[in-house]
């Protein structure tokens, strides 16, 4: 919890500070992407870095995602530690060969002789009427494919620590940040994402979930923006006398299955909140994590709140109808209780 006079950062500023500190420490770290130089990134993730490090290490690129992600793979294999930005995760379709057939696989193809220590940071999430080519999360798409670690911070403290850990990791890391948490006024800002961030460098463990609210009646599991919806739902449930335990996954790959199972063993009930599509995704994997391990711990069938299996609408009223929100989580609890 924030205290008076503590330094608070947005996620965007926390990400930039992590990159800045790692670049000061390690000359092999550099950043590439569209508009990451003078503009400082569309979402502010690289503001101030060009002034300190110059265009050799803060490299604005043409609109050619396949080319600059492929170049980053080559640089990583040659001993550098690139951080490369895919401006919108929705654009992965034009550069997936570089991501999955090169970045994720080359260590395996080389029998471990080549490491690919790079970070692919990319924006996710809807809620601001930018439609189906700029608003997806597709967490499950990246988590499904082996060879990459996948992280998704929900707050600025984790954002800095995860970025530092990702840059130092010898494996490729996909760093998925939600636009609504970045602290950009024109997007709207989730206040709970702007928190105290230490000035010194530190890491947040990749593969370790966090219990961000303890409880005994139901476990709510989410990541990114979904954590804030889960916490708001938990506050509403508290008014009904229900103690909800909220788990922030922090990372999808590796997935901290032990923390999820331990919580559900205590509460006996599970709700998963996921802004990705409902079918074949993260929400189903989390439910399987519990049911395949020990279905007897469940007092009721698990519920999931996720985006329906349709392209994200442009119309705001339709988009908001589809997105997860606290009321949908509370309704899931009501259905679970009634059953």
Protein backbone atom coordinates (compact mmCIF):
# COMPACT_ATOMS: atom_id res chain seq x y z
CA UNK A 1 0.00 0.00 0.00
CA UNK A 2 1.20 3.51 -0.79
CA UNK A 3 2.33 5.72 2.10
CA UNK A 4 2.41 9.55 2.22
CA UNK A 5 5.39 11.08 0.42
CA UNK A 6 6.33 7.79 -1.27
CA UNK A 7 7.47 8.08 -4.85
CA UNK A 8 4.75 6.74 -7.12
CA UNK A 9 5.24 5.91 -10.79
CA UNK A 10 2.98 4.95 -13.64
CA UNK A 11 3.69 1.64 -15.34
CA UNK A 12 5.06 3.49 -18.37
CA UNK A 13 7.52 5.44 -16.23
CA UNK A 14 8.48 2.31 -14.28
CA UNK A 15 9.23 0.43 -17.50
CA UNK A 16 11.37 3.31 -18.79
CA UNK A 17 13.29 3.48 -15.51
CA UNK A 18 14.04 -0.24 -15.60
CA UNK A 19 15.40 0.05 -19.14
CA UNK A 20 17.39 3.15 -18.22
CA UNK A 21 19.04 1.50 -15.22
CA UNK A 22 19.88 -1.69 -17.12
CA UNK A 23 21.34 0.34 -19.99
CA UNK A 24 23.51 2.23 -17.51
CA UNK A 25 24.79 -1.06 -16.09
CA UNK A 26 25.09 -3.16 -19.24
CA UNK A 27 26.28 -1.71 -22.59
CA UNK A 28 24.83 -4.69 -24.46
CA UNK A 29 21.26 -3.52 -23.74
CA UNK A 30 19.57 -1.44 -26.43
CA UNK A 31 15.99 -0.66 -27.49
CA UNK A 32 14.36 -0.87 -30.93
CA UNK A 33 10.87 -0.14 -32.20
CA UNK A 34 8.53 2.27 -33.90
CA UNK A 35 8.39 5.79 -32.38
CA UNK A 36 10.47 4.79 -29.35
CA UNK A 37 13.03 7.58 -29.88
CA UNK A 38 12.02 11.24 -29.93
CA UNK A 39 8.37 10.41 -29.23
CA UNK A 40 9.30 8.19 -26.29
CA UNK A 41 6.93 5.44 -27.35
CA UNK A 42 3.23 5.69 -28.09
CA UNK A 43 2.55 4.74 -24.46
CA UNK A 44 5.49 6.57 -22.89
CA UNK A 45 7.57 3.47 -22.19
CA UNK A 46 10.85 4.95 -23.49
CA UNK A 47 10.55 8.63 -22.66
CA UNK A 48 13.87 10.28 -21.90
CA UNK A 49 16.01 7.38 -23.07
CA UNK A 50 17.04 8.93 -26.40
CA UNK A 51 18.44 12.02 -24.66
CA UNK A 52 20.63 9.90 -22.38
CA UNK A 53 21.72 7.09 -24.69
CA UNK A 54 21.48 8.50 -28.21
CA UNK A 55 20.26 6.91 -31.46
CA UNK A 56 22.81 4.09 -31.42
CA UNK A 57 21.10 2.46 -28.45
CA UNK A 58 17.58 3.88 -28.83
CA UNK A 59 16.80 2.88 -32.39
CA UNK A 60 13.66 4.12 -34.14
CA UNK A 61 12.67 1.65 -36.82
CA UNK A 62 10.59 1.70 -40.00
CA UNK A 63 7.15 0.09 -39.96
CA UNK A 64 8.56 -3.36 -40.65
CA UNK A 65 8.00 -5.56 -37.62
CA UNK A 66 9.40 -8.69 -39.23
CA UNK A 67 12.65 -6.89 -40.05
CA UNK A 68 13.37 -5.30 -36.69
CA UNK A 69 12.26 -8.26 -34.58
CA UNK A 70 14.37 -10.52 -36.77
CA UNK A 71 17.29 -8.13 -36.37
CA UNK A 72 16.84 -8.24 -32.60
CA UNK A 73 16.98 -12.05 -32.66
CA UNK A 74 20.28 -11.90 -34.52
CA UNK A 75 21.67 -9.28 -32.15
CA UNK A 76 20.64 -11.37 -29.13
CA UNK A 77 22.35 -14.45 -30.52
CA UNK A 78 25.48 -12.36 -31.07
CA UNK A 79 25.72 -11.30 -27.42
CA UNK A 80 23.49 -8.24 -27.18
CA UNK A 81 20.37 -7.87 -25.01
CA UNK A 82 17.79 -6.07 -27.15
CA UNK A 83 14.45 -4.78 -25.94
CA UNK A 84 12.18 -4.54 -28.96
CA UNK A 85 8.65 -3.12 -29.02
CA UNK A 86 5.78 -4.50 -31.07
CA UNK A 87 3.53 -1.46 -30.79
CA UNK A 88 0.28 -3.46 -30.69
CA UNK A 89 0.15 -7.17 -29.95
CA UNK A 90 -2.50 -7.40 -32.69
CA UNK A 91 0.30 -6.88 -35.23
CA UNK A 92 1.89 -10.23 -34.35
CA UNK A 93 0.34 -11.73 -37.47
CA UNK A 94 2.74 -9.89 -39.77
CA UNK A 95 5.88 -10.92 -37.84
CA UNK A 96 5.07 -14.24 -36.22
CA UNK A 97 7.72 -16.07 -38.18
CA UNK A 98 10.41 -13.92 -36.55
CA UNK A 99 8.81 -14.34 -33.12
CA UNK A 100 7.98 -18.01 -33.03
CA UNK A 101 10.17 -19.68 -35.63
CA UNK A 102 13.28 -17.70 -34.67
CA UNK A 103 13.07 -16.00 -31.28
CA UNK A 104 11.36 -18.88 -29.48
CA UNK A 105 13.04 -21.83 -31.20
CA UNK A 106 16.63 -20.97 -32.03
CA UNK A 107 18.00 -22.00 -28.63
CA UNK A 108 16.39 -25.42 -29.07
CA UNK A 109 17.42 -25.75 -32.71
CA UNK A 110 21.03 -25.06 -31.78
CA UNK A 111 21.09 -27.62 -28.98
CA UNK A 112 21.55 -24.81 -26.49
CA UNK A 113 24.59 -23.35 -28.24
CA UNK A 114 22.75 -20.10 -28.99
CA UNK A 115 20.88 -18.13 -26.35
CA UNK A 116 18.33 -15.49 -27.33
CA UNK A 117 18.31 -13.02 -24.40
CA UNK A 118 15.78 -10.47 -25.65
CA UNK A 119 12.57 -8.81 -24.52
CA UNK A 120 9.59 -8.36 -26.82
CA UNK A 121 7.38 -5.75 -25.16
CA UNK A 122 3.92 -5.20 -26.60
CA UNK A 123 0.68 -3.41 -25.73
CA UNK A 124 -2.54 -5.28 -25.07
CA UNK A 125 -6.12 -4.58 -24.13
CA UNK A 126 -9.28 -2.76 -25.08
CA UNK A 127 -11.73 -0.40 -23.49
CA UNK A 128 -11.16 2.67 -25.62
CA UNK A 129 -12.95 1.89 -28.91
CA UNK A 130 -9.99 0.99 -31.09
CA UNK A 131 -11.62 -2.15 -32.49
CA UNK A 132 -10.38 -5.61 -33.32
CA UNK A 133 -6.99 -4.78 -34.81
CA UNK A 134 -5.68 -2.70 -31.89
CA UNK A 135 -7.41 -4.00 -28.75
CA UNK A 136 -6.78 -7.71 -28.27
CA UNK A 137 -4.93 -9.39 -25.42
CA UNK A 138 -4.14 -12.79 -27.00
CA UNK A 139 -2.32 -13.90 -23.85
CA UNK A 140 -3.18 -17.49 -24.63
CA UNK A 141 -1.65 -17.34 -28.11
CA UNK A 142 1.80 -16.56 -26.74
CA UNK A 143 1.49 -18.72 -23.62
CA UNK A 144 0.52 -21.73 -25.75
CA UNK A 145 3.76 -21.71 -27.75
CA UNK A 146 6.87 -23.14 -26.04
CA UNK A 147 10.22 -21.39 -25.97
CA UNK A 148 9.17 -17.99 -24.60
CA UNK A 149 8.50 -16.67 -21.12
CA UNK A 150 5.40 -14.45 -20.88
CA UNK A 151 4.77 -11.76 -18.25
CA UNK A 152 1.94 -9.26 -17.71
CA UNK A 153 2.30 -6.66 -14.91
CA UNK A 154 -0.72 -5.17 -13.15
CA UNK A 155 1.09 -2.34 -11.36
CA UNK A 156 4.17 -0.15 -11.60
CA UNK A 157 6.18 -1.98 -8.92
CA UNK A 158 5.88 -5.26 -10.79
CA UNK A 159 6.37 -3.51 -14.13
CA UNK A 160 9.83 -2.27 -13.18
CA UNK A 161 10.91 -5.50 -11.50
CA UNK A 162 9.64 -7.68 -14.33
CA UNK A 163 11.32 -5.55 -16.99
CA UNK A 164 14.63 -5.75 -15.12
CA UNK A 165 14.26 -9.52 -14.71
CA UNK A 166 13.29 -9.92 -18.37
CA UNK A 167 16.32 -7.98 -19.64
CA UNK A 168 18.65 -10.08 -17.48
CA UNK A 169 17.03 -13.39 -18.47
CA UNK A 170 18.87 -15.55 -20.99
CA UNK A 171 15.57 -16.68 -22.51
CA UNK A 172 13.28 -14.59 -24.73
CA UNK A 173 10.58 -12.87 -22.68
CA UNK A 174 7.30 -11.52 -24.05
CA UNK A 175 6.37 -8.53 -21.89
CA UNK A 176 2.65 -7.76 -22.31
CA UNK A 177 1.49 -4.46 -20.81
CA UNK A 178 -2.14 -3.30 -20.77
CA UNK A 179 -2.76 0.11 -22.30
CA UNK A 180 -5.31 1.10 -19.65
CA UNK A 181 -2.68 0.68 -16.93
CA UNK A 182 0.07 2.80 -18.51
CA UNK A 183 -0.92 6.11 -16.96
CA UNK A 184 -1.64 7.84 -20.26
CA UNK A 185 -4.39 10.39 -19.64
CA UNK A 186 -5.91 10.13 -23.10
CA UNK A 187 -6.55 6.42 -22.51
CA UNK A 188 -7.94 6.77 -19.03
CA UNK A 189 -5.91 5.47 -16.13
CA UNK A 190 -6.51 2.73 -13.59
CA UNK A 191 -5.45 4.43 -10.36
CA UNK A 192 -4.47 1.19 -8.67
CA UNK A 193 -1.67 0.63 -11.18
CA UNK A 194 0.26 3.74 -10.10
CA UNK A 195 2.08 2.68 -6.94
CA UNK A 196 5.28 3.15 -4.96
CA UNK A 197 8.37 2.12 -6.91
CA UNK A 198 11.84 2.05 -5.30
CA UNK A 199 14.52 4.10 -7.00
CA UNK A 200 17.09 1.33 -6.76
CA UNK A 201 17.17 -1.54 -9.23
CA UNK A 202 15.37 -4.77 -8.27
CA UNK A 203 13.75 -7.78 -9.91
CA UNK A 204 10.34 -9.43 -9.62
CA UNK A 205 10.53 -13.19 -10.03
CA UNK A 206 9.19 -14.47 -13.33
CA UNK A 207 6.98 -17.48 -12.64
CA UNK A 208 5.76 -16.51 -9.17
CA UNK A 209 2.16 -15.37 -8.64
CA UNK A 210 1.07 -13.06 -5.82
CA UNK A 211 -1.88 -13.23 -3.46
CA UNK A 212 -2.88 -9.56 -3.53
CA UNK A 213 -5.94 -9.98 -1.33
CA UNK A 214 -6.39 -12.87 1.11
CA UNK A 215 -9.73 -14.59 1.53
CA UNK A 216 -11.40 -17.89 2.40
CA UNK A 217 -14.61 -18.16 0.37
CA UNK A 218 -13.61 -17.96 -3.30
CA UNK A 219 -10.40 -17.64 -5.33
CA UNK A 220 -10.35 -15.07 -8.15
CA UNK A 221 -7.39 -15.45 -10.52
CA UNK A 222 -6.41 -12.85 -13.09
CA UNK A 223 -3.59 -10.81 -14.62
CA UNK A 224 -2.97 -7.30 -15.90
CA UNK A 225 -6.12 -5.16 -16.00
CA UNK A 226 -8.17 -8.11 -14.79
CA UNK A 227 -6.52 -7.92 -11.37
CA UNK A 228 -8.06 -4.49 -10.81
CA UNK A 229 -11.49 -5.75 -11.84
CA UNK A 230 -11.03 -8.68 -9.46
CA UNK A 231 -10.07 -6.41 -6.56
CA UNK A 232 -13.10 -4.19 -7.17
CA UNK A 233 -15.34 -7.24 -7.29
CA UNK A 234 -13.78 -8.52 -4.05
CA UNK A 235 -14.61 -5.20 -2.38
CA UNK A 236 -18.24 -5.57 -3.49
CA UNK A 237 -18.38 -9.16 -2.29
CA UNK A 238 -17.03 -8.09 1.08
CA UNK A 239 -20.20 -6.05 1.54
CA UNK A 240 -22.09 -9.35 1.28
CA UNK A 241 -19.85 -10.96 3.87
CA UNK A 242 -17.86 -12.89 1.25
CA UNK A 243 -14.07 -13.01 1.60
CA UNK A 244 -12.55 -13.36 -1.87
CA UNK A 245 -8.89 -14.23 -2.34
CA UNK A 246 -7.38 -12.49 -5.38
CA UNK A 247 -4.34 -13.91 -7.18
CA UNK A 248 -2.28 -11.81 -9.59
CA UNK A 249 -0.59 -14.29 -11.93
CA UNK A 250 2.22 -11.81 -12.77
CA UNK A 251 3.51 -14.25 -15.39
CA UNK A 252 1.84 -16.80 -17.62
CA UNK A 253 4.96 -18.71 -18.57
CA UNK A 254 6.09 -20.14 -16.25
CA UNK A 255 2.65 -20.44 -14.63
CA UNK A 256 2.62 -20.64 -10.84
CA UNK A 257 0.25 -23.57 -10.54
CA UNK A 258 1.14 -24.25 -6.91
CA UNK A 259 -0.17 -20.89 -5.69
CA UNK A 260 -3.42 -21.36 -7.60
CA UNK A 261 -3.96 -24.89 -6.31
CA UNK A 262 -3.16 -23.96 -2.72
CA UNK A 263 -5.67 -21.12 -2.77
CA UNK A 264 -8.48 -23.18 -4.30
CA UNK A 265 -7.78 -26.01 -1.86
CA UNK A 266 -8.53 -23.46 0.87
CA UNK A 267 -11.56 -21.71 -0.67
CA UNK A 268 -13.11 -24.54 -2.68
CA UNK A 269 -14.28 -22.14 -5.40
CA UNK A 270 -12.58 -20.64 -8.46
CA UNK A 271 -13.37 -17.70 -10.75
CA UNK A 272 -10.92 -16.83 -13.54
CA UNK A 273 -10.94 -13.35 -15.08
CA UNK A 274 -9.28 -13.04 -18.48
CA UNK A 275 -9.58 -10.29 -21.11
CA UNK A 276 -8.43 -12.76 -23.76
CA UNK A 277 -10.95 -14.81 -25.70
CA UNK A 278 -13.02 -17.37 -23.82
CA UNK A 279 -12.19 -20.53 -25.76
CA UNK A 280 -8.83 -22.34 -25.86
CA UNK A 281 -7.16 -19.80 -23.61
CA UNK A 282 -5.63 -18.96 -20.26
CA UNK A 283 -8.89 -19.25 -18.33
CA UNK A 284 -9.38 -22.85 -19.41
CA UNK A 285 -5.76 -23.72 -18.59
CA UNK A 286 -6.11 -22.35 -15.06
CA UNK A 287 -9.29 -24.31 -14.47
CA UNK A 288 -7.57 -27.45 -15.78
CA UNK A 289 -4.67 -26.76 -13.42
CA UNK A 290 -7.07 -27.25 -10.51
CA UNK A 291 -9.42 -29.93 -11.81
CA UNK A 292 -6.72 -32.25 -13.16
CA UNK A 293 -4.76 -32.01 -9.92
CA UNK A 294 -7.58 -32.67 -7.44
CA UNK A 295 -11.17 -32.04 -8.48
CA UNK A 296 -12.39 -33.05 -5.03
CA UNK A 297 -11.32 -29.69 -3.54
CA UNK A 298 -14.05 -27.89 -5.49
CA UNK A 299 -17.34 -27.08 -3.77
CA UNK A 300 -18.82 -25.71 -7.01
CA UNK A 301 -18.07 -25.73 -10.72
CA UNK A 302 -15.43 -23.13 -11.67
CA UNK A 303 -16.49 -19.97 -13.50
CA UNK A 304 -14.62 -17.86 -16.02
CA UNK A 305 -15.16 -14.28 -17.08
CA UNK A 306 -13.52 -13.72 -20.46
CA UNK A 307 -14.03 -11.98 -23.78
CA UNK A 308 -16.61 -13.78 -25.96
CA UNK A 309 -15.36 -15.48 -29.11
CA UNK A 310 -16.00 -12.55 -31.46
CA UNK A 311 -13.72 -9.85 -32.89
CA UNK A 312 -13.57 -6.87 -30.53
CA UNK A 313 -16.26 -4.34 -31.56
CA UNK A 314 -15.51 -0.70 -32.33
CA UNK A 315 -18.80 0.60 -30.90
CA UNK A 316 -18.15 1.53 -27.28
CA UNK A 317 -21.40 0.11 -25.94
CA UNK A 318 -20.71 -3.25 -27.62
CA UNK A 319 -17.08 -3.32 -26.50
CA UNK A 320 -18.00 -2.59 -22.89
CA UNK A 321 -20.68 -5.28 -23.04
CA UNK A 322 -18.01 -7.83 -23.99
CA UNK A 323 -15.19 -6.82 -21.63
CA UNK A 324 -14.82 -8.34 -18.15
CA UNK A 325 -15.88 -6.07 -15.29
CA UNK A 326 -16.48 -6.29 -11.53
CA UNK A 327 -20.24 -6.77 -11.88
CA UNK A 328 -19.73 -9.84 -14.08
CA UNK A 329 -17.43 -11.31 -11.44
CA UNK A 330 -19.97 -10.71 -8.69
CA UNK A 331 -22.67 -12.28 -10.87
CA UNK A 332 -20.46 -15.34 -11.34
CA UNK A 333 -20.21 -15.67 -7.57
CA UNK A 334 -24.00 -15.36 -7.24
CA UNK A 335 -24.48 -18.16 -9.79
CA UNK A 336 -21.88 -20.28 -8.03
CA UNK A 337 -23.53 -19.75 -4.65
CA UNK A 338 -26.98 -20.55 -6.01
CA UNK A 339 -25.74 -23.79 -7.53
